[in-house]
C-alpha atoms as a PDB file:
ATOM      1  CA  MET A   1      -6.264 -42.093   0.070  1.00  0.00           C
ATOM      2  CA  LYS A   2      -3.619 -40.434  -2.136  1.00  0.00           C
ATOM      3  CA  LEU A   3      -6.312 -38.404  -3.893  1.00  0.00           C
ATOM      4  CA  ARG A   4      -7.596 -37.166  -0.528  1.00  0.00           C
ATOM      5  CA  ILE A   5      -4.084 -36.018   0.465  1.00  0.00           C
ATOM      6  CA  VAL A   6      -3.573 -34.250  -2.857  1.00  0.00           C
ATOM      7  CA  LEU A   7      -6.927 -32.486  -2.486  1.00  0.00           C
ATOM      8  CA  MET A   8      -6.128 -31.417   1.068  1.00  0.00           C
ATOM      9  CA  LEU A   9      -2.733 -30.041   0.028  1.00  0.00           C
ATOM     10  CA  SER A  10      -4.331 -28.217  -2.894  1.00  0.00           C
ATOM     11  CA  LEU A  11      -6.911 -26.616  -0.630  1.00  0.00           C
ATOM     12  CA  PHE A  12      -4.233 -25.617   1.869  1.00  0.00           C
ATOM     13  CA  GLY A  13      -2.176 -23.947  -0.867  1.00  0.00           C
ATOM     14  CA  PHE A  14      -5.252 -22.112  -2.150  1.00  0.00           C
ATOM     15  CA  SER A  15      -6.231 -20.865   1.297  1.00  0.00           C
ATOM     16  CA  ALA A  16      -2.695 -19.615   1.981  1.00  0.00           C
ATOM     17  CA  SER A  17      -2.738 -17.536  -1.194  1.00  0.00           C
ATOM     18  CA  ALA A  18      -6.253 -16.302  -0.418  1.00  0.00           C
ATOM     19  CA  LEU A  19      -4.989 -14.948   2.909  1.00  0.00           C
ATOM     20  CA  ALA A  20      -2.204 -12.912   1.257  1.00  0.00           C
ATOM     21  CA  HIS A  21      -2.609  -9.159   1.399  1.00  0.00           C
ATOM     22  CA  THR A  22      -1.743  -6.647  -1.258  1.00  0.00           C
ATOM     23  CA  PRO A  23      -0.710  -3.106  -0.328  1.00  0.00           C
ATOM     24  CA  SER A  24      -2.565  -0.056  -1.566  1.00  0.00           C
ATOM     25  CA  PHE A  25      -1.232   3.482  -1.521  1.00  0.00           C
ATOM     26  CA  ALA A  26      -2.641   6.714  -2.919  1.00  0.00           C
ATOM     27  CA  CYS A  27      -1.571  10.334  -2.591  1.00  0.00           C
ATOM     28  CA  TYR A  28      -3.496  13.540  -3.226  1.00  0.00           C
ATOM     29  CA  ASP A  29      -2.316  17.124  -3.716  1.00  0.00           C
ATOM     30  CA  ASN A  30      -4.408  19.177  -1.273  1.00  0.00           C
ATOM     31  CA  ALA A  31      -3.864  22.316  -3.444  1.00  0.00           C
ATOM     32  CA  ASP A  32      -2.612  24.154  -0.349  1.00  0.00           C
ATOM     33  CA  GLY A  33       1.061  23.184  -0.565  1.00  0.00           C
ATOM     34  CA  THR A  34       0.551  19.837   1.190  1.00  0.00           C
ATOM     35  CA  VAL A  35       0.116  16.246   0.035  1.00  0.00           C
ATOM     36  CA  LEU A  36      -1.969  13.599   1.805  1.00  0.00           C
ATOM     37  CA  CYS A  37      -1.137   9.910   1.336  1.00  0.00           C
ATOM     38  CA  GLU A  38      -3.271   6.982   2.475  1.00  0.00           C
ATOM     39  CA  GLY A  39      -2.209   3.359   2.715  1.00  0.00           C
ATOM     40  CA  GLY A  40      -3.733   0.005   3.484  1.00  0.00           C
ATOM     41  CA  PHE A  41      -3.868  -3.675   2.654  1.00  0.00           C
ATOM     42  CA  SER A  42      -6.405  -5.587   0.578  1.00  0.00           C
ATOM     43  CA  ASP A  43      -7.300  -7.872   3.482  1.00  0.00           C
ATOM     44  CA  GLY A  44      -8.416  -4.857   5.530  1.00  0.00           C
ATOM     45  CA  SER A  45      -5.451  -4.934   7.906  1.00  0.00           C
ATOM     46  CA  SER A  46      -4.191  -1.600   9.169  1.00  0.00           C
ATOM     47  CA  ALA A  47      -1.195   0.108   7.607  1.00  0.00           C
ATOM     48  CA  ALA A  48      -0.666   2.316  10.670  1.00  0.00           C
ATOM     49  CA  GLY A  49       3.043   2.550  11.410  1.00  0.00           C
ATOM     50  CA  VAL A  50       4.164   1.633   7.885  1.00  0.00           C
ATOM     51  CA  PRO A  51       7.149   3.819   6.920  1.00  0.00           C
ATOM     52  CA  VAL A  52       6.682   6.452   4.223  1.00  0.00           C
ATOM     53  CA  ARG A  53       9.557   8.327   2.629  1.00  0.00           C
ATOM     54  CA  VAL A  54       9.507  11.333   0.330  1.00  0.00           C
ATOM     55  CA  LEU A  55      12.389  11.100  -2.156  1.00  0.00           C
ATOM     56  CA  ASP A  56      13.943  13.589  -4.559  1.00  0.00           C
ATOM     57  CA  ALA A  57      14.647  12.789  -8.218  1.00  0.00           C
ATOM     58  CA  GLN A  58      17.968  11.119  -7.296  1.00  0.00           C
ATOM     59  CA  GLY A  59      16.367   8.907  -4.641  1.00  0.00           C
ATOM     60  CA  ASN A  60      17.657  10.913  -1.671  1.00  0.00           C
ATOM     61  CA  VAL A  61      15.343  11.011   1.345  1.00  0.00           C
ATOM     62  CA  LEU A  62      13.786  14.445   1.796  1.00  0.00           C
ATOM     63  CA  LEU A  63      11.407  13.437   4.559  1.00  0.00           C
ATOM     64  CA  GLU A  64      10.453  10.263   6.361  1.00  0.00           C
ATOM     65  CA  GLY A  65       7.702   9.281   8.724  1.00  0.00           C
ATOM     66  CA  GLN A  66       5.026   6.663   9.110  1.00  0.00           C
ATOM     67  CA  LEU A  67       1.329   6.279   8.525  1.00  0.00           C
ATOM     68  CA  ASN A  68      -0.698   7.498  11.503  1.00  0.00           C
ATOM     69  CA  PRO A  69      -3.477   5.452  13.210  1.00  0.00           C
ATOM     70  CA  LEU A  70      -5.816   6.450  10.356  1.00  0.00           C
ATOM     71  CA  SER A  71      -3.247   5.092   7.854  1.00  0.00           C
ATOM     72  CA  GLU A  72      -2.499   8.620   6.591  1.00  0.00           C
ATOM     73  CA  PHE A  73       0.671  10.652   6.114  1.00  0.00           C
ATOM     74  CA  GLU A  74       0.626  14.345   5.236  1.00  0.00           C
ATOM     75  CA  PHE A  75       3.644  16.407   4.187  1.00  0.00           C
ATOM     76  CA  ASP A  76       4.614  19.714   2.643  1.00  0.00           C
ATOM     77  CA  LYS A  77       4.919  19.368  -1.118  1.00  0.00           C
ATOM     78  CA  PRO A  78       8.603  19.615  -2.104  1.00  0.00           C
ATOM     79  CA  GLU A  79       9.865  21.838  -4.898  1.00  0.00           C
ATOM     80  CA  GLY A  80      10.936  19.988  -8.058  1.00  0.00           C
ATOM     81  CA  GLU A  81      10.633  16.292  -8.818  1.00  0.00           C
ATOM     82  CA  TYR A  82       9.797  13.978  -5.947  1.00  0.00           C
ATOM     83  CA  SER A  83       8.067  10.703  -5.157  1.00  0.00           C
ATOM     84  CA  ALA A  84       6.315   9.172  -2.158  1.00  0.00           C
ATOM     85  CA  LEU A  85       7.337   5.643  -1.124  1.00  0.00           C
ATOM     86  CA  PHE A  86       5.138   3.311   0.958  1.00  0.00           C
ATOM     87  CA  ASP A  87       7.490   0.723   2.471  1.00  0.00           C
ATOM     88  CA  GLY A  88       5.497  -2.230   3.761  1.00  0.00           C
ATOM     89  CA  GLY A  89       8.528  -4.520   3.364  1.00  0.00           C
ATOM     90  CA  GLU A  90       9.725  -6.843   0.613  1.00  0.00           C
ATOM     91  CA  GLY A  91       7.041  -7.186  -2.048  1.00  0.00           C
ATOM     92  CA  HIS A  92       4.931  -4.505  -0.363  1.00  0.00           C
ATOM     93  CA  ARG A  93       6.541  -1.297  -1.605  1.00  0.00           C
ATOM     94  CA  ILE A  94       4.714   1.262  -3.722  1.00  0.00           C
ATOM     95  CA  GLN A  95       6.358   4.402  -5.097  1.00  0.00           C
ATOM     96  CA  ILE A  96       4.272   7.197  -6.586  1.00  0.00           C
ATOM     97  CA  PRO A  97       6.003   9.917  -8.646  1.00  0.00           C
ATOM     98  CA  GLY A  98       4.973  13.463  -7.741  1.00  0.00           C
ATOM     99  CA  SER A  99       3.896  14.006 -11.363  1.00  0.00           C
ATOM    100  CA  GLN A 100       1.093  11.466 -10.728  1.00  0.00           C
ATOM    101  CA  ILE A 101      -0.115  13.139  -7.503  1.00  0.00           C
ATOM    102  CA  LEU A 102      -2.936  15.369  -8.642  1.00  0.00           C
ATOM    103  CA  PRO A 103      -5.369  17.701  -6.829  1.00  0.00           C
END
């Protein structure tokens, strides 16, 4: 009986971790003065509405918005150093430096 309970609890713990979703976020320089970012989650759930912020080198917000229904966010490429921040909440934030956003 105890073994059965331990096995059930183990399976429950495994299934809970299997249901967890990991964020994904990628940005591309369109080579026309704009940047396109796309976001999502590993379990296939939509990232539409997730906040995105464009930050300067000091962390000041230059621009903020949210992913559209296609889980995309497009913005004019800022001058100087910047980064794009996907903010899916605690443990679900991804920040990409502008130097890593390539055409």
